[in-house]
Amino acid sequence: MKKSKLSKITIAALFGAMSFVLMFFSFSVPILSPFAEFDASALPELIGGFILGPSGAVGIISIKLLLKLVIKGSSSMLTGEIQNLILSIAYVLPAVLYYRRHKTKKGAVVGLIIGSVISIVIAVFTNLYLIFPAYIKLYGMSWDSIIEICTAVNPWIKNIPTFVAFSVVPFNAVSRVITSIITVLIYKKISKFIKKNLLMEE
């Protein structure tokens, strides 16, 4: 195996492990919904993806989820992990692909905006047709009971459309904005260190 390939695999593994660890440092956003939790696990995925490219980004996301399944297992019939995989790829891959063609700060920002919009749209469908149907099946809940729980903390939520409008969309938008801003602020410093000390070019 070439040293350059080995160094890329090593970097992907390191970023994947970092992303996995960051999953545990999550906090709830009860003002939006009792189900909303934010973590910064997308940061290593984005930064590693900007450095290694799209295949590296997918590798980092895969390593994160494999570590999660091996160490923690799944409490949602794998639906949580499937949603995490879908939304991570929907957010990170467009940003990385756009940045690969426009390697400037503006290119990174535009890529992050594209990825954010795509992942927010997809989050609506994964919540409605994957995550909450799994809650309903696992815990014997119904959409009515879920809406009732959400209304208790967010009175603007009255039904499924308002749940999407005042919980799913704003939560994902805020989380993507925060992660994107941090990525833009720290990416260059980290990438310079990685490329100088760890990444062996072919």
C-alpha atoms as a PDB file:
ATOM      1  CA  MET A   1       0.000   0.000   0.000  1.00  0.00           C
ATOM      2  CA  LYS A   2       1.366   3.424  -0.945  1.00  0.00           C
ATOM      3  CA  LYS A   3       2.238   5.754   1.919  1.00  0.00           C
ATOM      4  CA  SER A   4      -0.073   8.442   0.515  1.00  0.00           C
ATOM      5  CA  LYS A   5      -3.044   6.060   0.531  1.00  0.00           C
ATOM      6  CA  LEU A   6      -2.198   4.824   4.017  1.00  0.00           C
ATOM      7  CA  SER A   7      -1.963   8.386   5.328  1.00  0.00           C
ATOM      8  CA  LYS A   8      -5.403   9.212   3.880  1.00  0.00           C
ATOM      9  CA  ILE A   9      -6.935   6.120   5.497  1.00  0.00           C
ATOM     10  CA  THR A  10      -5.300   7.066   8.809  1.00  0.00           C
ATOM     11  CA  ILE A  11      -6.613  10.629   8.617  1.00  0.00           C
ATOM     12  CA  ALA A  12     -10.114   9.381   7.733  1.00  0.00           C
ATOM     13  CA  ALA A  13     -10.009   7.018  10.724  1.00  0.00           C
ATOM     14  CA  LEU A  14      -8.898   9.842  13.039  1.00  0.00           C
ATOM     15  CA  PHE A  15     -11.653  12.180  11.833  1.00  0.00           C
ATOM     16  CA  GLY A  16     -14.194   9.362  12.025  1.00  0.00           C
ATOM     17  CA  ALA A  17     -13.203   8.679  15.645  1.00  0.00           C
ATOM     18  CA  MET A  18     -13.433  12.398  16.442  1.00  0.00           C
ATOM     19  CA  SER A  19     -16.891  12.565  14.876  1.00  0.00           C
ATOM     20  CA  PHE A  20     -17.988   9.556  16.934  1.00  0.00           C
ATOM     21  CA  VAL A  21     -16.766  11.142  20.173  1.00  0.00           C
ATOM     22  CA  LEU A  22     -18.545  14.424  19.384  1.00  0.00           C
ATOM     23  CA  MET A  23     -21.838  12.527  19.093  1.00  0.00           C
ATOM     24  CA  PHE A  24     -21.737  12.118  22.888  1.00  0.00           C
ATOM     25  CA  PHE A  25     -21.432  15.868  23.502  1.00  0.00           C
ATOM     26  CA  SER A  26     -24.973  16.671  22.492  1.00  0.00           C
ATOM     27  CA  PHE A  27     -27.500  18.990  24.049  1.00  0.00           C
ATOM     28  CA  SER A  28     -31.243  19.270  23.664  1.00  0.00           C
ATOM     29  CA  VAL A  29     -33.071  22.212  22.145  1.00  0.00           C
ATOM     30  CA  PRO A  30     -36.382  21.921  24.036  1.00  0.00           C
ATOM     31  CA  ILE A  31     -37.727  25.253  22.800  1.00  0.00           C
ATOM     32  CA  LEU A  32     -38.146  23.636  19.364  1.00  0.00           C
ATOM     33  CA  SER A  33     -39.157  20.127  20.421  1.00  0.00           C
ATOM     34  CA  PRO A  34     -38.311  17.599  23.151  1.00  0.00           C
ATOM     35  CA  PHE A  35     -36.846  15.350  20.459  1.00  0.00           C
ATOM     36  CA  ALA A  36     -34.322  17.886  19.125  1.00  0.00           C
ATOM     37  CA  GLU A  37     -30.672  17.276  20.049  1.00  0.00           C
ATOM     38  CA  PHE A  38     -27.648  19.026  18.564  1.00  0.00           C
ATOM     39  CA  ASP A  39     -24.103  17.698  18.341  1.00  0.00           C
ATOM     40  CA  ALA A  40     -21.026  18.792  16.420  1.00  0.00           C
ATOM     41  CA  SER A  41     -20.181  15.436  14.843  1.00  0.00           C
ATOM     42  CA  ALA A  42     -20.493  16.946  11.346  1.00  0.00           C
ATOM     43  CA  LEU A  43     -17.453  19.169  11.949  1.00  0.00           C
ATOM     44  CA  PRO A  44     -14.811  16.431  11.444  1.00  0.00           C
ATOM     45  CA  GLU A  45     -16.827  15.083   8.514  1.00  0.00           C
ATOM     46  CA  LEU A  46     -16.737  18.445   6.744  1.00  0.00           C
ATOM     47  CA  ILE A  47     -13.141  19.319   7.554  1.00  0.00           C
ATOM     48  CA  GLY A  48     -11.913  15.823   6.752  1.00  0.00           C
ATOM     49  CA  GLY A  49     -13.981  15.839   3.558  1.00  0.00           C
ATOM     50  CA  PHE A  50     -12.528  19.174   2.453  1.00  0.00           C
ATOM     51  CA  ILE A  51      -9.048  17.723   2.963  1.00  0.00           C
ATOM     52  CA  LEU A  52      -9.547  14.193   1.610  1.00  0.00           C
ATOM     53  CA  GLY A  53     -12.351  14.665  -0.915  1.00  0.00           C
ATOM     54  CA  PRO A  54     -15.746  12.973  -1.277  1.00  0.00           C
ATOM     55  CA  SER A  55     -14.535   9.394  -0.746  1.00  0.00           C
ATOM     56  CA  GLY A  56     -12.768  10.501   2.426  1.00  0.00           C
ATOM     57  CA  ALA A  57     -15.945  12.216   3.650  1.00  0.00           C
ATOM     58  CA  VAL A  58     -18.020   9.070   3.112  1.00  0.00           C
ATOM     59  CA  GLY A  59     -15.319   7.038   4.860  1.00  0.00           C
ATOM     60  CA  ILE A  60     -15.356   9.360   7.882  1.00  0.00           C
ATOM     61  CA  ILE A  61     -19.150   9.172   8.157  1.00  0.00           C
ATOM     62  CA  SER A  62     -19.070   5.377   7.821  1.00  0.00           C
ATOM     63  CA  ILE A  63     -16.395   5.008  10.503  1.00  0.00           C
ATOM     64  CA  LYS A  64     -18.390   7.210  12.888  1.00  0.00           C
ATOM     65  CA  LEU A  65     -21.515   5.103  12.504  1.00  0.00           C
ATOM     66  CA  LEU A  66     -19.666   1.771  12.643  1.00  0.00           C
ATOM     67  CA  LEU A  67     -18.020   2.819  15.911  1.00  0.00           C
ATOM     68  CA  LYS A  68     -21.404   3.889  17.245  1.00  0.00           C
ATOM     69  CA  LEU A  69     -22.995   0.543  16.368  1.00  0.00           C
ATOM     70  CA  VAL A  70     -20.097  -1.534  17.723  1.00  0.00           C
ATOM     71  CA  ILE A  71     -19.687   0.391  20.991  1.00  0.00           C
ATOM     72  CA  LYS A  72     -23.209   1.601  21.705  1.00  0.00           C
ATOM     73  CA  GLY A  73     -25.502  -0.388  19.470  1.00  0.00           C
ATOM     74  CA  SER A  74     -28.835   0.897  18.200  1.00  0.00           C
ATOM     75  CA  SER A  75     -31.944   1.765  20.170  1.00  0.00           C
ATOM     76  CA  SER A  76     -34.103   2.565  17.146  1.00  0.00           C
ATOM     77  CA  MET A  77     -34.029  -0.532  14.904  1.00  0.00           C
ATOM     78  CA  LEU A  78     -31.149   1.164  13.026  1.00  0.00           C
ATOM     79  CA  THR A  79     -33.453   3.958  11.838  1.00  0.00           C
ATOM     80  CA  GLY A  80     -31.486   6.579  13.786  1.00  0.00           C
ATOM     81  CA  GLU A  81     -28.234   5.410  12.223  1.00  0.00           C
ATOM     82  CA  ILE A  82     -29.796   5.288   8.747  1.00  0.00           C
ATOM     83  CA  GLN A  83     -31.086   8.842   9.151  1.00  0.00           C
ATOM     84  CA  ASN A  84     -27.693   9.971  10.437  1.00  0.00           C
ATOM     85  CA  LEU A  85     -26.026   8.401   7.393  1.00  0.00           C
ATOM     86  CA  ILE A  86     -28.491   9.954   4.942  1.00  0.00           C
ATOM     87  CA  LEU A  87     -28.389  13.444   6.466  1.00  0.00           C
ATOM     88  CA  SER A  88     -24.612  13.438   6.950  1.00  0.00           C
ATOM     89  CA  ILE A  89     -24.041  12.512   3.300  1.00  0.00           C
ATOM     90  CA  ALA A  90     -26.707  15.008   2.148  1.00  0.00           C
ATOM     91  CA  TYR A  91     -24.974  17.799   4.082  1.00  0.00           C
ATOM     92  CA  VAL A  92     -21.294  16.968   3.681  1.00  0.00           C
ATOM     93  CA  LEU A  93     -21.046  15.537   0.157  1.00  0.00           C
ATOM     94  CA  PRO A  94     -22.524  18.517  -1.765  1.00  0.00           C
ATOM     95  CA  ALA A  95     -20.328  20.898   0.244  1.00  0.00           C
ATOM     96  CA  VAL A  96     -17.195  18.850  -0.434  1.00  0.00           C
ATOM     97  CA  LEU A  97     -17.977  18.339  -4.137  1.00  0.00           C
ATOM     98  CA  TYR A  98     -18.597  22.061  -4.668  1.00  0.00           C
ATOM     99  CA  TYR A  99     -15.449  23.002  -2.756  1.00  0.00           C
ATOM    100  CA  ARG A 100     -13.373  20.596  -4.867  1.00  0.00           C
ATOM    101  CA  ARG A 101     -14.300  22.691  -7.938  1.00  0.00           C
ATOM    102  CA  HIS A 102     -14.045  26.077  -6.189  1.00  0.00           C
ATOM    103  CA  LYS A 103     -11.185  25.940  -3.698  1.00  0.00           C
ATOM    104  CA  THR A 104     -11.716  29.341  -2.128  1.00  0.00           C
ATOM    105  CA  LYS A 105     -13.336  30.555   1.072  1.00  0.00           C
ATOM    106  CA  LYS A 106     -16.336  31.652  -0.989  1.00  0.00           C
ATOM    107  CA  GLY A 107     -16.464  28.193  -2.558  1.00  0.00           C
ATOM    108  CA  ALA A 108     -16.527  26.589   0.895  1.00  0.00           C
ATOM    109  CA  VAL A 109     -19.332  28.919   2.012  1.00  0.00           C
ATOM    110  CA  VAL A 110     -21.427  28.277  -1.103  1.00  0.00           C
ATOM    111  CA  GLY A 111     -20.857  24.537  -0.797  1.00  0.00           C
ATOM    112  CA  LEU A 112     -21.941  24.597   2.838  1.00  0.00           C
ATOM    113  CA  ILE A 113     -25.094  26.529   1.943  1.00  0.00           C
ATOM    114  CA  ILE A 114     -25.955  24.004  -0.793  1.00  0.00           C
ATOM    115  CA  GLY A 115     -25.342  21.085   1.545  1.00  0.00           C
ATOM    116  CA  SER A 116     -27.383  22.721   4.306  1.00  0.00           C
ATOM    117  CA  VAL A 117     -30.405  23.304   2.073  1.00  0.00           C
ATOM    118  CA  ILE A 118     -30.324  19.761   0.673  1.00  0.00           C
ATOM    119  CA  SER A 119     -29.988  18.165   4.117  1.00  0.00           C
ATOM    120  CA  ILE A 120     -32.806  20.299   5.590  1.00  0.00           C
ATOM    121  CA  VAL A 121     -35.180  19.230   2.799  1.00  0.00           C
ATOM    122  CA  ILE A 122     -34.224  15.572   3.217  1.00  0.00           C
ATOM    123  CA  ALA A 123     -34.570  15.864   7.022  1.00  0.00           C
ATOM    124  CA  VAL A 124     -38.259  16.672   6.569  1.00  0.00           C
ATOM    125  CA  PHE A 125     -38.823  13.365   4.771  1.00  0.00           C
ATOM    126  CA  THR A 126     -36.614  11.236   7.052  1.00  0.00           C
ATOM    127  CA  ASN A 127     -38.387  12.592  10.128  1.00  0.00           C
ATOM    128  CA  LEU A 128     -41.862  12.045   8.697  1.00  0.00           C
ATOM    129  CA  TYR A 129     -41.275   8.670   7.064  1.00  0.00           C
ATOM    130  CA  LEU A 130     -38.393   7.085   9.004  1.00  0.00           C
ATOM    131  CA  ILE A 131     -37.651   8.372  12.493  1.00  0.00           C
ATOM    132  CA  PHE A 132     -41.076   9.099  13.919  1.00  0.00           C
ATOM    133  CA  PRO A 133     -42.735   6.039  12.379  1.00  0.00           C
ATOM    134  CA  ALA A 134     -39.998   4.073  14.187  1.00  0.00           C
ATOM    135  CA  TYR A 135     -40.860   5.839  17.480  1.00  0.00           C
ATOM    136  CA  ILE A 136     -44.506   4.975  16.901  1.00  0.00           C
ATOM    137  CA  LYS A 137     -43.712   1.308  16.328  1.00  0.00           C
ATOM    138  CA  LEU A 138     -41.076   0.939  19.062  1.00  0.00           C
ATOM    139  CA  TYR A 139     -42.841   2.768  21.861  1.00  0.00           C
ATOM    140  CA  GLY A 140     -46.498   2.284  20.961  1.00  0.00           C
ATOM    141  CA  MET A 141     -46.951   5.981  20.259  1.00  0.00           C
ATOM    142  CA  SER A 142     -49.075   7.760  17.682  1.00  0.00           C
ATOM    143  CA  TRP A 143     -48.675  10.973  15.711  1.00  0.00           C
ATOM    144  CA  ASP A 144     -51.275  12.557  17.984  1.00  0.00           C
ATOM    145  CA  SER A 145     -49.247  11.736  21.108  1.00  0.00           C
ATOM    146  CA  ILE A 146     -46.032  12.988  19.489  1.00  0.00           C
ATOM    147  CA  ILE A 147     -47.688  16.279  18.525  1.00  0.00           C
ATOM    148  CA  GLU A 148     -49.114  16.590  22.047  1.00  0.00           C
ATOM    149  CA  ILE A 149     -45.642  16.141  23.596  1.00  0.00           C
ATOM    150  CA  CYS A 150     -44.209  18.761  21.214  1.00  0.00           C
ATOM    151  CA  THR A 151     -47.061  21.223  21.845  1.00  0.00           C
ATOM    152  CA  ALA A 152     -46.276  21.126  25.575  1.00  0.00           C
ATOM    153  CA  VAL A 153     -42.872  22.750  24.931  1.00  0.00           C
ATOM    154  CA  ASN A 154     -43.594  24.564  21.668  1.00  0.00           C
ATOM    155  CA  PRO A 155     -47.194  25.869  21.502  1.00  0.00           C
ATOM    156  CA  TRP A 156     -46.792  26.751  17.817  1.00  0.00           C
ATOM    157  CA  ILE A 157     -46.821  23.027  17.038  1.00  0.00           C
ATOM    158  CA  LYS A 158     -50.441  21.963  16.476  1.00  0.00           C
ATOM    159  CA  ASN A 159     -50.190  19.264  13.815  1.00  0.00           C
ATOM    160  CA  ILE A 160     -47.721  17.589  11.461  1.00  0.00           C
ATOM    161  CA  PRO A 161     -47.279  20.604   9.095  1.00  0.00           C
ATOM    162  CA  THR A 162     -46.564  22.948  12.025  1.00  0.00           C
ATOM    163  CA  PHE A 163     -44.267  20.302  13.528  1.00  0.00           C
ATOM    164  CA  VAL A 164     -42.248  20.452  10.309  1.00  0.00           C
ATOM    165  CA  ALA A 165     -42.390  24.260  10.099  1.00  0.00           C
ATOM    166  CA  PHE A 166     -41.570  25.048  13.743  1.00  0.00           C
ATOM    167  CA  SER A 167     -39.393  22.109  14.779  1.00  0.00           C
ATOM    168  CA  VAL A 168     -37.789  20.037  12.031  1.00  0.00           C
ATOM    169  CA  VAL A 169     -36.853  22.881   9.663  1.00  0.00           C
ATOM    170  CA  PRO A 170     -35.628  25.457  12.223  1.00  0.00           C
ATOM    171  CA  PHE A 171     -33.686  22.875  14.241  1.00  0.00           C
ATOM    172  CA  ASN A 172     -31.849  21.545  11.192  1.00  0.00           C
ATOM    173  CA  ALA A 173     -31.304  25.074   9.850  1.00  0.00           C
ATOM    174  CA  VAL A 174     -29.806  26.320  13.129  1.00  0.00           C
ATOM    175  CA  SER A 175     -27.592  23.245  13.537  1.00  0.00           C
ATOM    176  CA  ARG A 176     -26.297  23.544   9.963  1.00  0.00           C
ATOM    177  CA  VAL A 177     -25.630  27.281  10.303  1.00  0.00           C
ATOM    178  CA  ILE A 178     -23.663  26.775  13.538  1.00  0.00           C
ATOM    179  CA  THR A 179     -21.637  23.873  12.122  1.00  0.00           C
ATOM    180  CA  SER A 180     -20.964  25.693   8.850  1.00  0.00           C
ATOM    181  CA  ILE A 181     -19.757  28.858  10.583  1.00  0.00           C
ATOM    182  CA  ILE A 182     -17.379  26.917  12.831  1.00  0.00           C
ATOM    183  CA  THR A 183     -16.100  24.961   9.816  1.00  0.00           C
ATOM    184  CA  VAL A 184     -15.318  28.149   7.876  1.00  0.00           C
ATOM    185  CA  LEU A 185     -13.540  29.649  10.903  1.00  0.00           C
ATOM    186  CA  ILE A 186     -11.273  26.680  11.718  1.00  0.00           C
ATOM    187  CA  TYR A 187     -10.852  24.711   8.483  1.00  0.00           C
ATOM    188  CA  LYS A 188      -7.764  26.448   7.095  1.00  0.00           C
ATOM    189  CA  LYS A 189      -5.732  26.157  10.300  1.00  0.00           C
ATOM    190  CA  ILE A 190      -6.515  22.471  10.703  1.00  0.00           C
ATOM    191  CA  SER A 191      -5.998  21.648   7.020  1.00  0.00           C
ATOM    192  CA  LYS A 192      -2.596  23.339   6.969  1.00  0.00           C
ATOM    193  CA  PHE A 193      -1.482  21.302   9.977  1.00  0.00           C
ATOM    194  CA  ILE A 194      -2.833  18.041   8.534  1.00  0.00           C
ATOM    195  CA  LYS A 195      -1.325  18.585   5.093  1.00  0.00           C
ATOM    196  CA  LYS A 196       2.043  19.595   6.549  1.00  0.00           C
ATOM    197  CA  ASN A 197       2.369  16.878   9.180  1.00  0.00           C
ATOM    198  CA  LEU A 198       0.145  13.926   8.311  1.00  0.00           C
ATOM    199  CA  LEU A 199      -0.899  13.893   4.678  1.00  0.00           C
ATOM    200  CA  MET A 200       1.623  12.338   2.305  1.00  0.00           C
ATOM    201  CA  GLU A 201       0.948  13.442  -1.254  1.00  0.00           C
ATOM    202  CA  GLU A 202       1.479  11.030  -4.115  1.00  0.00           C
END
